[in-house]
Amino acid sequence: MVLGLCLLFAWPASLVAEEFSSERGFFIDLPEGYQLLAEGGANQFVFIGPDQTARLEIKIFDPGRYASFSAFAEAIKAQLDSRMQYQSYDYAGRGARLANFTRGSGAAGVSGHLFLFNQTAAESPFFLVIMSYTVASRFDADDDFLRSALDGFSADGTHRGQPGPISAAALASLPPGGLQPQRIRFGEAVIDLAWDPRLAAVAQDLVEREFRVLLPYAEVPELLESAMRRFYRLVYRQTARGLDELGLHLSAAWESGAWKGEAWTGVEAPVDQASPAAGAAATRQPPAGQPTTVPAGAGSVSQASGQPRYGIPAASRAYVAALLAWTQSFVYERDPAGSDVVNPLTAAFEQRGDCDSRALVLAILLRQESVDAGVMISLVHSHALAMFDVPGLGARFPYVERQWLVGETTAAVTPGQIAQSQSDIADWFGITFDY
């Protein structure tokens, strides 16, 4: 294990991190400025942080050399720090261990986080070790950065859109229970379901941590946009799965007509009309009458099978308009003293948050339904918009070879409408989520 440190404090602003992938199938999305320092084929990688002090090491071991994963964990403990205590939990459906460690003392001492993973599902099974650490004297000051780096890990392509090891361990430590009933109104539909606010609390912890990680990049303009993209990626990963059930209910209310006060029929809504604006207007002026409750467990339905499913809505632009109108009804909430971002779980279940939160909720819910969506950020206007890959007229934002329809979440406007004062595309950058 490489544990020597170079005690330099220069910020290499020209370095922009990217998501690294291994031929072993795993990925790691590191904070901006990390660079690959050394590698040993496909079995060892050493990354150095932008302050030239923090490091992240990845090493692969042959499981055939150990009697079991537990025996492997004990061998690593004996070698690295015999005093450390493991948290054992499942990560990506396999065994994992997480611990804090300290090795050495004085100026030579280092402290950090250790993650062990039993990758038995791979074609060629292996045991994985990741260490995210710094000099011991800087551990408390740098801990957010160290945790963030480790949380960028994904076991494989299937799990890229799910929480990283640190956040997964926090979720695994929650005791059973915690579900609370929640009623959500979507147009004329009333959706009753249960959610666990503790998951939102863990997500908010990640939001605040990643905001603290993001702050130093304000001094490095070359890295700021990339760092902000990573901030939103990690928030997306942390919360997307938690909106799965709600997404099915919202889609069911739309496809069945419950959102506009029609009885549940088990058939899909009609396809897009000739005028996209007609669908948008309908979301703002639903028929009067009593709210329609969406049946428990009812998702979008297929005309062929009548069974819940995910898939492209029968009227994609009109569904975008309906969800956009729903987020526009959220209570506007800001917290300038903190991240100013309400995590998407709280934003969706409690219908509150600012522009960032609402745009993220839309991206998650629409991508569940195979409608690509993302977030637009403007530092000039201190604002965020949603963006959608759907047809129809309206203001569009060019990004990654596509023209995205814009969505303003904080004013009662239809998709494609944006304030004239904010319409200069040079003031914005886009964020997409390819999970």
Protein backbone atom coordinates (compact mmCIF):
# COMPACT_ATOMS: atom_id res chain seq x y z
CA MET A 1 0.00 0.00 0.00
CA VAL A 2 1.31 3.43 -0.96
CA LEU A 3 0.97 5.71 2.09
CA GLY A 4 3.77 8.27 1.71
CA LEU A 5 2.61 11.88 1.30
CA CYS A 6 4.09 14.88 -0.48
CA LEU A 7 3.42 17.91 1.72
CA LEU A 8 2.79 20.56 -0.93
CA PHE A 9 -0.14 22.95 -1.06
CA ALA A 10 -0.48 24.13 -4.66
CA TRP A 11 -3.83 24.06 -6.47
CA PRO A 12 -3.34 22.81 -10.06
CA ALA A 13 -6.23 24.75 -11.58
CA SER A 14 -5.75 23.25 -15.03
CA LEU A 15 -6.69 19.79 -13.80
CA VAL A 16 -10.31 18.80 -14.33
CA ALA A 17 -11.24 15.43 -12.90
CA GLU A 18 -13.39 13.01 -14.81
CA GLU A 19 -15.19 9.82 -13.95
CA PHE A 20 -12.56 7.11 -14.03
CA SER A 21 -13.49 3.55 -14.95
CA SER A 22 -11.59 0.32 -14.54
CA GLU A 23 -11.54 -2.70 -16.78
CA ARG A 24 -12.70 -4.49 -13.62
CA GLY A 25 -16.05 -2.74 -14.05
CA PHE A 26 -16.06 -0.16 -11.25
CA PHE A 27 -16.19 3.64 -11.54
CA ILE A 28 -15.10 6.58 -9.41
CA ASP A 29 -16.29 10.17 -9.83
CA LEU A 30 -13.69 12.23 -7.95
CA PRO A 31 -13.79 15.90 -6.94
CA GLU A 32 -12.30 18.25 -9.51
CA GLY A 33 -8.53 18.57 -9.42
CA TYR A 34 -7.76 14.96 -8.49
CA GLN A 35 -5.24 13.41 -10.84
CA LEU A 36 -3.92 9.92 -11.36
CA LEU A 37 -0.54 9.78 -9.65
CA ALA A 38 0.40 6.13 -10.17
CA GLU A 39 -1.09 2.85 -11.27
CA GLY A 40 -0.13 -0.77 -11.20
CA GLY A 41 -1.86 -2.27 -14.21
CA ALA A 42 -5.51 -3.00 -13.48
CA ASN A 43 -4.88 -3.76 -9.81
CA GLN A 44 -3.74 -0.51 -8.18
CA PHE A 45 -4.50 3.19 -8.67
CA VAL A 46 -3.30 6.18 -6.65
CA PHE A 47 -4.94 9.60 -7.05
CA ILE A 48 -3.68 12.82 -5.50
CA GLY A 49 -5.99 15.65 -4.52
CA PRO A 50 -5.83 19.25 -5.72
CA ASP A 51 -4.01 20.35 -2.55
CA GLN A 52 -1.30 17.76 -3.31
CA THR A 53 -1.92 16.25 0.15
CA ALA A 54 -5.15 14.23 0.07
CA ARG A 55 -4.92 10.87 -1.65
CA LEU A 56 -7.24 8.14 -2.74
CA GLU A 57 -5.86 4.65 -3.32
CA ILE A 58 -7.59 1.71 -4.92
CA LYS A 59 -6.10 -1.76 -4.71
CA ILE A 60 -7.43 -5.11 -5.88
CA PHE A 61 -6.70 -8.41 -4.15
CA ASP A 62 -7.12 -12.02 -5.22
CA PRO A 63 -9.85 -13.58 -3.02
CA GLY A 64 -8.21 -16.98 -3.44
CA ARG A 65 -5.47 -15.89 -1.02
CA TYR A 66 -7.94 -15.60 1.87
CA ALA A 67 -10.28 -18.04 3.56
CA SER A 68 -13.16 -15.56 3.39
CA PHE A 69 -13.98 -11.89 3.00
CA SER A 70 -14.03 -11.58 6.79
CA ALA A 71 -10.52 -13.05 6.96
CA PHE A 72 -9.42 -10.55 4.33
CA ALA A 73 -10.88 -7.68 6.36
CA GLU A 74 -9.01 -8.82 9.46
CA ALA A 75 -5.76 -9.06 7.52
CA ILE A 76 -6.15 -5.47 6.28
CA LYS A 77 -6.96 -4.32 9.82
CA ALA A 78 -3.83 -5.96 11.21
CA GLN A 79 -1.71 -4.32 8.53
CA LEU A 80 -3.22 -0.83 8.58
CA ASP A 81 -4.64 -0.01 12.04
CA SER A 82 -5.45 -2.71 14.59
CA ARG A 83 -7.57 -0.27 16.62
CA MET A 84 -10.09 0.57 13.91
CA GLN A 85 -13.67 -0.71 14.10
CA TYR A 86 -15.50 -1.90 11.00
CA GLN A 87 -19.08 -1.19 10.05
CA SER A 88 -20.29 -4.25 8.13
CA TYR A 89 -23.07 -3.71 5.60
CA ASP A 90 -24.24 -4.61 2.12
CA TYR A 91 -23.15 -2.39 -0.74
CA ALA A 92 -24.50 -2.99 -4.24
CA GLY A 93 -25.83 -6.31 -2.98
CA ARG A 94 -22.46 -7.58 -1.76
CA GLY A 95 -20.52 -7.54 1.48
CA ALA A 96 -18.67 -4.38 2.48
CA ARG A 97 -16.73 -2.89 5.40
CA LEU A 98 -16.18 0.76 6.30
CA ALA A 99 -13.84 2.20 8.95
CA ASN A 100 -11.78 5.22 9.95
CA PHE A 101 -8.06 4.59 10.33
CA THR A 102 -4.89 6.26 11.54
CA ARG A 103 -1.41 5.07 10.70
CA GLY A 104 1.84 6.45 12.02
CA SER A 105 2.28 9.45 14.30
CA GLY A 106 3.61 12.98 14.27
CA ALA A 107 4.41 14.53 10.91
CA ALA A 108 4.38 11.06 9.29
CA GLY A 109 0.89 10.17 10.55
CA VAL A 110 -2.04 9.83 8.17
CA SER A 111 -5.78 9.46 8.85
CA GLY A 112 -8.70 8.66 6.62
CA HIS A 113 -11.47 6.33 5.59
CA LEU A 114 -11.14 2.69 4.51
CA PHE A 115 -13.66 0.85 2.34
CA LEU A 116 -13.51 -2.89 1.61
CA PHE A 117 -15.75 -4.51 -0.99
CA ASN A 118 -16.41 -8.16 -1.81
CA GLN A 119 -16.93 -8.05 -5.57
CA THR A 120 -18.03 -11.64 -6.03
CA ALA A 121 -20.48 -10.82 -8.81
CA ALA A 122 -17.74 -9.88 -11.27
CA GLU A 123 -16.69 -12.25 -14.05
CA SER A 124 -13.33 -12.43 -12.28
CA PRO A 125 -14.13 -11.99 -8.54
CA PHE A 126 -11.89 -9.75 -6.45
CA PHE A 127 -11.62 -8.01 -3.10
CA LEU A 128 -11.36 -4.23 -3.34
CA VAL A 129 -9.68 -1.76 -0.96
CA ILE A 130 -10.16 2.01 -1.19
CA MET A 131 -8.42 4.43 1.16
CA SER A 132 -9.23 8.15 1.17
CA TYR A 133 -6.83 9.92 3.51
CA THR A 134 -4.62 12.90 4.31
CA VAL A 135 -1.99 13.92 6.87
CA ALA A 136 -3.39 13.32 10.35
CA SER A 137 -3.09 16.97 11.34
CA ARG A 138 -5.47 17.95 8.51
CA PHE A 139 -8.00 15.15 8.86
CA ASP A 140 -10.74 17.18 10.58
CA ALA A 141 -10.36 20.09 8.18
CA ASP A 142 -10.32 17.87 5.09
CA ASP A 143 -12.82 15.20 6.12
CA ASP A 144 -15.64 16.47 3.89
CA PHE A 145 -13.31 16.22 0.90
CA LEU A 146 -12.14 12.74 1.87
CA ARG A 147 -15.70 11.45 2.30
CA SER A 148 -16.78 13.04 -0.94
CA ALA A 149 -13.97 11.35 -2.87
CA LEU A 150 -14.88 7.93 -1.50
CA ASP A 151 -18.59 8.53 -2.16
CA GLY A 152 -17.76 8.92 -5.84
CA PHE A 153 -17.22 5.15 -6.11
CA SER A 154 -19.69 2.91 -7.99
CA ALA A 155 -19.42 -0.87 -7.95
CA ASP A 156 -20.40 -1.23 -11.62
CA GLY A 157 -22.41 0.40 -14.37
CA THR A 158 -25.70 -0.77 -12.89
CA HIS A 159 -25.00 1.07 -9.64
CA ARG A 160 -23.57 4.33 -11.02
CA GLY A 161 -26.83 6.12 -10.24
CA GLN A 162 -26.99 4.97 -6.62
CA PRO A 163 -25.38 6.22 -3.37
CA GLY A 164 -21.66 5.78 -2.80
CA PRO A 165 -20.06 3.78 0.05
CA ILE A 166 -20.17 6.49 2.75
CA SER A 167 -23.80 7.39 2.09
CA ALA A 168 -24.85 3.76 1.70
CA ALA A 169 -23.31 3.01 5.10
CA ALA A 170 -25.30 5.86 6.66
CA LEU A 171 -28.50 4.45 5.19
CA ALA A 172 -27.63 0.93 6.33
CA SER A 173 -27.17 2.15 9.91
CA LEU A 174 -30.78 3.33 10.17
CA PRO A 175 -32.90 1.02 12.37
CA PRO A 176 -36.06 -0.58 10.92
CA GLY A 177 -39.20 1.51 10.82
CA GLY A 178 -39.47 5.21 10.26
CA LEU A 179 -42.16 5.19 7.58
CA GLN A 180 -44.71 7.97 7.82
CA PRO A 181 -47.90 8.51 5.81
CA GLN A 182 -47.79 11.34 3.32
CA ARG A 183 -50.50 12.85 1.14
CA ILE A 184 -49.46 14.55 -2.08
CA ARG A 185 -51.76 16.47 -4.38
CA PHE A 186 -50.99 16.36 -8.09
CA GLY A 187 -53.54 18.40 -9.99
CA GLU A 188 -56.89 16.92 -8.94
CA ALA A 189 -55.34 13.63 -7.85
CA VAL A 190 -54.60 12.81 -4.23
CA ILE A 191 -51.71 10.38 -3.75
CA ASP A 192 -51.41 8.61 -0.40
CA LEU A 193 -48.16 6.77 0.26
CA ALA A 194 -45.51 6.27 2.94
CA TRP A 195 -42.03 7.72 3.08
CA ASP A 196 -39.12 7.75 5.50
CA PRO A 197 -37.95 11.28 6.45
CA ARG A 198 -34.72 9.77 7.77
CA LEU A 199 -33.67 9.03 4.20
CA ALA A 200 -34.19 12.69 3.43
CA ALA A 201 -32.08 13.66 6.45
CA VAL A 202 -29.20 11.50 5.17
CA ALA A 203 -29.64 13.07 1.74
CA GLN A 204 -29.57 16.57 3.22
CA ASP A 205 -26.37 15.72 5.07
CA LEU A 206 -24.82 14.82 1.72
CA VAL A 207 -26.13 18.05 0.15
CA GLU A 208 -24.53 20.16 2.90
CA ARG A 209 -21.26 18.20 2.78
CA GLU A 210 -20.99 18.52 -0.98
CA PHE A 211 -21.76 22.23 -0.72
CA ARG A 212 -18.83 22.64 1.67
CA VAL A 213 -16.65 20.68 -0.77
CA LEU A 214 -17.81 22.98 -3.57
CA LEU A 215 -17.03 26.28 -1.81
CA PRO A 216 -13.24 26.40 -2.47
CA TYR A 217 -13.82 26.03 -6.22
CA ALA A 218 -15.29 29.54 -6.28
CA GLU A 219 -11.66 30.69 -6.26
CA VAL A 220 -10.82 28.55 -9.30
CA PRO A 221 -13.09 29.64 -12.19
CA GLU A 222 -11.61 27.00 -14.52
CA LEU A 223 -12.97 24.24 -12.28
CA LEU A 224 -16.16 25.76 -10.91
CA GLU A 225 -18.64 24.57 -13.55
CA SER A 226 -17.24 21.04 -13.51
CA ALA A 227 -17.31 21.02 -9.70
CA MET A 228 -20.94 22.15 -9.72
CA ARG A 229 -21.85 19.41 -12.17
CA ARG A 230 -20.34 16.87 -9.79
CA PHE A 231 -22.29 18.39 -6.88
CA TYR A 232 -25.58 17.79 -8.68
CA ARG A 233 -24.53 14.32 -9.84
CA LEU A 234 -23.89 13.19 -6.28
CA VAL A 235 -27.19 14.65 -5.06
CA TYR A 236 -28.96 12.86 -7.94
CA ARG A 237 -27.29 9.55 -7.09
CA GLN A 238 -28.23 9.88 -3.44
CA THR A 239 -31.94 10.52 -4.02
CA ALA A 240 -33.11 9.09 -7.35
CA ARG A 241 -34.08 5.63 -6.04
CA GLY A 242 -36.03 7.21 -3.20
CA LEU A 243 -38.47 8.74 -5.69
CA ASP A 244 -39.24 5.49 -7.53
CA GLU A 245 -42.60 4.82 -5.87
CA LEU A 246 -43.74 8.43 -6.02
CA GLY A 247 -42.82 8.50 -9.69
CA LEU A 248 -45.09 5.52 -10.37
CA HIS A 249 -47.99 7.19 -8.56
CA LEU A 250 -47.56 10.47 -10.40
CA SER A 251 -47.35 8.69 -13.73
CA ALA A 252 -50.44 6.66 -12.85
CA ALA A 253 -52.37 9.81 -12.01
CA TRP A 254 -51.36 11.30 -15.34
CA GLU A 255 -51.96 8.30 -17.58
CA SER A 256 -55.29 7.46 -15.94
CA GLY A 257 -56.66 10.98 -15.99
CA ALA A 258 -56.89 11.16 -12.19
CA TRP A 259 -54.72 14.29 -12.16
CA LYS A 260 -57.53 16.17 -13.94
CA GLY A 261 -60.35 14.64 -11.90
CA GLU A 262 -61.27 11.65 -14.03
CA ALA A 263 -62.01 8.24 -12.54
CA TRP A 264 -59.37 5.51 -12.65
CA THR A 265 -59.93 3.48 -15.81
CA GLY A 266 -56.74 1.49 -16.19
CA VAL A 267 -56.08 2.88 -19.67
CA GLU A 268 -53.59 5.39 -20.90
CA ALA A 269 -54.23 9.05 -21.65
CA PRO A 270 -54.43 10.06 -25.33
CA VAL A 271 -51.33 10.90 -27.30
CA ASP A 272 -50.03 14.44 -27.79
CA GLN A 273 -52.50 16.78 -29.47
CA ALA A 274 -51.57 18.96 -32.40
CA SER A 275 -51.15 21.97 -30.12
CA PRO A 276 -48.63 21.28 -27.32
CA ALA A 277 -49.94 24.34 -25.48
CA ALA A 278 -53.30 22.62 -24.97
CA GLY A 279 -51.74 20.04 -22.67
CA ALA A 280 -49.85 22.71 -20.74
CA ALA A 281 -52.95 24.82 -20.21
CA ALA A 282 -54.88 21.82 -18.92
CA THR A 283 -52.45 21.44 -16.04
CA ARG A 284 -53.30 24.89 -14.78
CA GLN A 285 -57.09 24.81 -15.12
CA PRO A 286 -58.28 21.33 -14.11
CA PRO A 287 -62.03 20.74 -13.94
CA ALA A 288 -63.72 21.57 -10.66
CA GLY A 289 -64.76 18.69 -8.45
CA GLN A 290 -63.57 16.43 -5.69
CA PRO A 291 -59.95 15.19 -5.77
CA THR A 292 -59.46 11.75 -7.26
CA THR A 293 -57.42 9.33 -5.14
CA VAL A 294 -54.98 7.22 -7.11
CA PRO A 295 -55.27 3.54 -6.10
CA ALA A 296 -52.40 2.31 -3.93
CA GLY A 297 -49.74 0.57 -5.99
CA ALA A 298 -51.07 1.84 -9.28
CA GLY A 299 -48.34 2.98 -11.61
CA SER A 300 -48.46 3.90 -15.26
CA VAL A 301 -50.37 1.19 -17.07
CA SER A 302 -49.89 -0.47 -20.39
CA GLN A 303 -52.95 -0.73 -22.64
CA ALA A 304 -51.80 -4.19 -23.62
CA SER A 305 -51.34 -5.64 -20.13
CA GLY A 306 -52.99 -3.21 -17.73
CA GLN A 307 -49.97 -3.64 -15.44
CA PRO A 308 -47.86 -0.93 -13.78
CA ARG A 309 -44.78 -0.04 -15.77
CA TYR A 310 -42.19 2.59 -16.50
CA GLY A 311 -41.92 3.94 -20.00
CA ILE A 312 -42.30 6.99 -22.20
CA PRO A 313 -45.62 8.70 -21.36
CA ALA A 314 -48.27 8.64 -24.05
CA ALA A 315 -48.03 12.45 -24.18
CA SER A 316 -44.49 13.32 -23.19
CA ARG A 317 -44.65 17.11 -23.52
CA ALA A 318 -48.02 17.33 -21.79
CA TYR A 319 -46.72 15.13 -18.95
CA VAL A 320 -43.70 17.41 -18.65
CA ALA A 321 -46.10 20.36 -18.42
CA ALA A 322 -48.14 18.64 -15.70
CA LEU A 323 -45.07 17.84 -13.59
CA LEU A 324 -43.67 21.33 -14.16
CA ALA A 325 -46.94 22.86 -12.91
CA TRP A 326 -46.77 20.59 -9.85
CA THR A 327 -43.27 21.79 -8.94
CA GLN A 328 -44.35 25.39 -9.53
CA SER A 329 -46.87 24.91 -6.71
CA PHE A 330 -44.13 24.04 -4.18
CA VAL A 331 -43.51 26.37 -1.26
CA TYR A 332 -40.51 28.50 -2.17
CA GLU A 333 -37.78 27.98 0.41
CA ARG A 334 -34.19 29.17 0.60
CA ASP A 335 -31.39 28.87 3.14
CA PRO A 336 -28.60 31.28 2.18
CA ALA A 337 -26.70 30.31 5.34
CA GLY A 338 -26.26 26.75 4.04
CA SER A 339 -26.31 25.05 0.67
CA ASP A 340 -29.60 26.73 -0.33
CA VAL A 341 -30.60 23.37 -1.85
CA VAL A 342 -33.36 21.23 -0.36
CA ASN A 343 -32.65 17.58 -1.18
CA PRO A 344 -35.01 16.12 -3.83
CA LEU A 345 -36.67 13.69 -1.40
CA THR A 346 -37.81 16.43 0.94
CA ALA A 347 -38.62 18.71 -1.99
CA ALA A 348 -40.91 16.13 -3.61
CA PHE A 349 -42.59 14.65 -0.54
CA GLU A 350 -43.07 17.94 1.30
CA GLN A 351 -43.47 20.08 -1.85
CA ARG A 352 -40.99 22.75 -0.85
CA GLY A 353 -37.65 24.04 -2.07
CA ASP A 354 -35.96 26.47 -4.38
CA CYS A 355 -35.20 26.32 -8.09
CA ASP A 356 -32.34 23.78 -7.84
CA SER A 357 -34.43 21.34 -5.82
CA ARG A 358 -37.39 21.51 -8.16
CA ALA A 359 -35.29 21.07 -11.29
CA LEU A 360 -33.61 18.00 -9.78
CA VAL A 361 -36.99 16.49 -8.84
CA LEU A 362 -38.17 16.93 -12.42
CA ALA A 363 -35.01 15.38 -13.85
CA ILE A 364 -35.34 12.33 -11.61
CA LEU A 365 -39.06 11.76 -12.18
CA LEU A 366 -38.91 12.25 -15.94
CA ARG A 367 -35.85 10.09 -16.43
CA GLN A 368 -37.74 7.30 -14.64
CA GLU A 369 -40.22 7.54 -17.49
CA SER A 370 -37.55 7.54 -20.24
CA VAL A 371 -37.95 11.28 -20.87
CA ASP A 372 -34.47 12.77 -20.74
CA ALA A 373 -34.23 15.84 -18.54
CA GLY A 374 -31.51 17.83 -16.82
CA VAL A 375 -30.70 21.03 -15.00
CA MET A 376 -29.53 24.42 -16.26
CA ILE A 377 -27.49 26.65 -13.94
CA SER A 378 -26.72 30.35 -14.23
CA LEU A 379 -24.17 31.92 -11.91
CA VAL A 380 -24.99 35.27 -13.52
CA HIS A 381 -28.64 35.07 -12.46
CA SER A 382 -28.18 32.85 -9.36
CA HIS A 383 -30.90 30.64 -10.78
CA ALA A 384 -31.63 27.12 -11.99
CA LEU A 385 -34.02 25.88 -14.66
CA ALA A 386 -35.12 22.43 -15.73
CA MET A 387 -34.49 21.28 -19.30
CA PHE A 388 -36.36 18.61 -21.24
CA ASP A 389 -35.72 16.62 -24.40
CA VAL A 390 -39.30 16.77 -25.71
CA PRO A 391 -40.88 18.15 -28.90
CA GLY A 392 -42.83 21.36 -29.32
CA LEU A 393 -42.42 25.10 -29.49
CA GLY A 394 -40.64 27.24 -26.92
CA ALA A 395 -37.27 28.53 -25.78
CA ARG A 396 -34.52 25.96 -26.11
CA PHE A 397 -31.02 25.55 -24.72
CA PRO A 398 -28.30 23.91 -26.86
CA TYR A 399 -26.30 21.34 -24.92
CA VAL A 400 -24.51 18.08 -25.85
CA GLU A 401 -25.75 18.19 -29.44
CA ARG A 402 -29.40 18.57 -28.46
CA GLN A 403 -31.85 21.45 -28.16
CA TRP A 404 -33.47 21.23 -24.72
CA LEU A 405 -36.84 22.80 -23.95
CA VAL A 406 -36.45 25.00 -20.88
CA GLY A 407 -38.63 24.81 -17.78
CA GLU A 408 -39.04 27.63 -15.23
CA THR A 409 -40.05 26.04 -11.92
CA THR A 410 -40.68 29.17 -9.83
CA ALA A 411 -43.29 30.96 -11.96
CA ALA A 412 -46.62 29.76 -13.37
CA VAL A 413 -45.52 29.50 -17.00
CA THR A 414 -45.66 26.70 -19.54
CA PRO A 415 -42.63 24.72 -20.78
CA GLY A 416 -40.49 26.78 -23.11
CA GLN A 417 -41.19 30.12 -21.45
CA ILE A 418 -38.37 32.06 -19.77
CA ALA A 419 -37.94 35.63 -18.57
CA GLN A 420 -36.51 37.83 -21.33
CA SER A 421 -33.86 39.12 -18.93
CA GLN A 422 -32.55 35.57 -18.48
CA SER A 423 -32.74 34.38 -22.08
CA ASP A 424 -29.08 34.77 -23.08
CA ILE A 425 -27.83 31.20 -23.48
CA ALA A 426 -24.27 32.33 -22.70
CA ASP A 427 -25.39 32.87 -19.10
CA TRP A 428 -26.18 29.18 -18.58
CA PHE A 429 -24.51 25.78 -18.47
CA GLY A 430 -26.21 22.40 -18.56
CA ILE A 431 -26.06 19.29 -16.40
CA THR A 432 -27.26 15.87 -17.54
CA PHE A 433 -27.43 12.54 -15.71
CA ASP A 434 -26.42 9.50 -17.76
CA TYR A 435 -27.33 6.90 -15.12
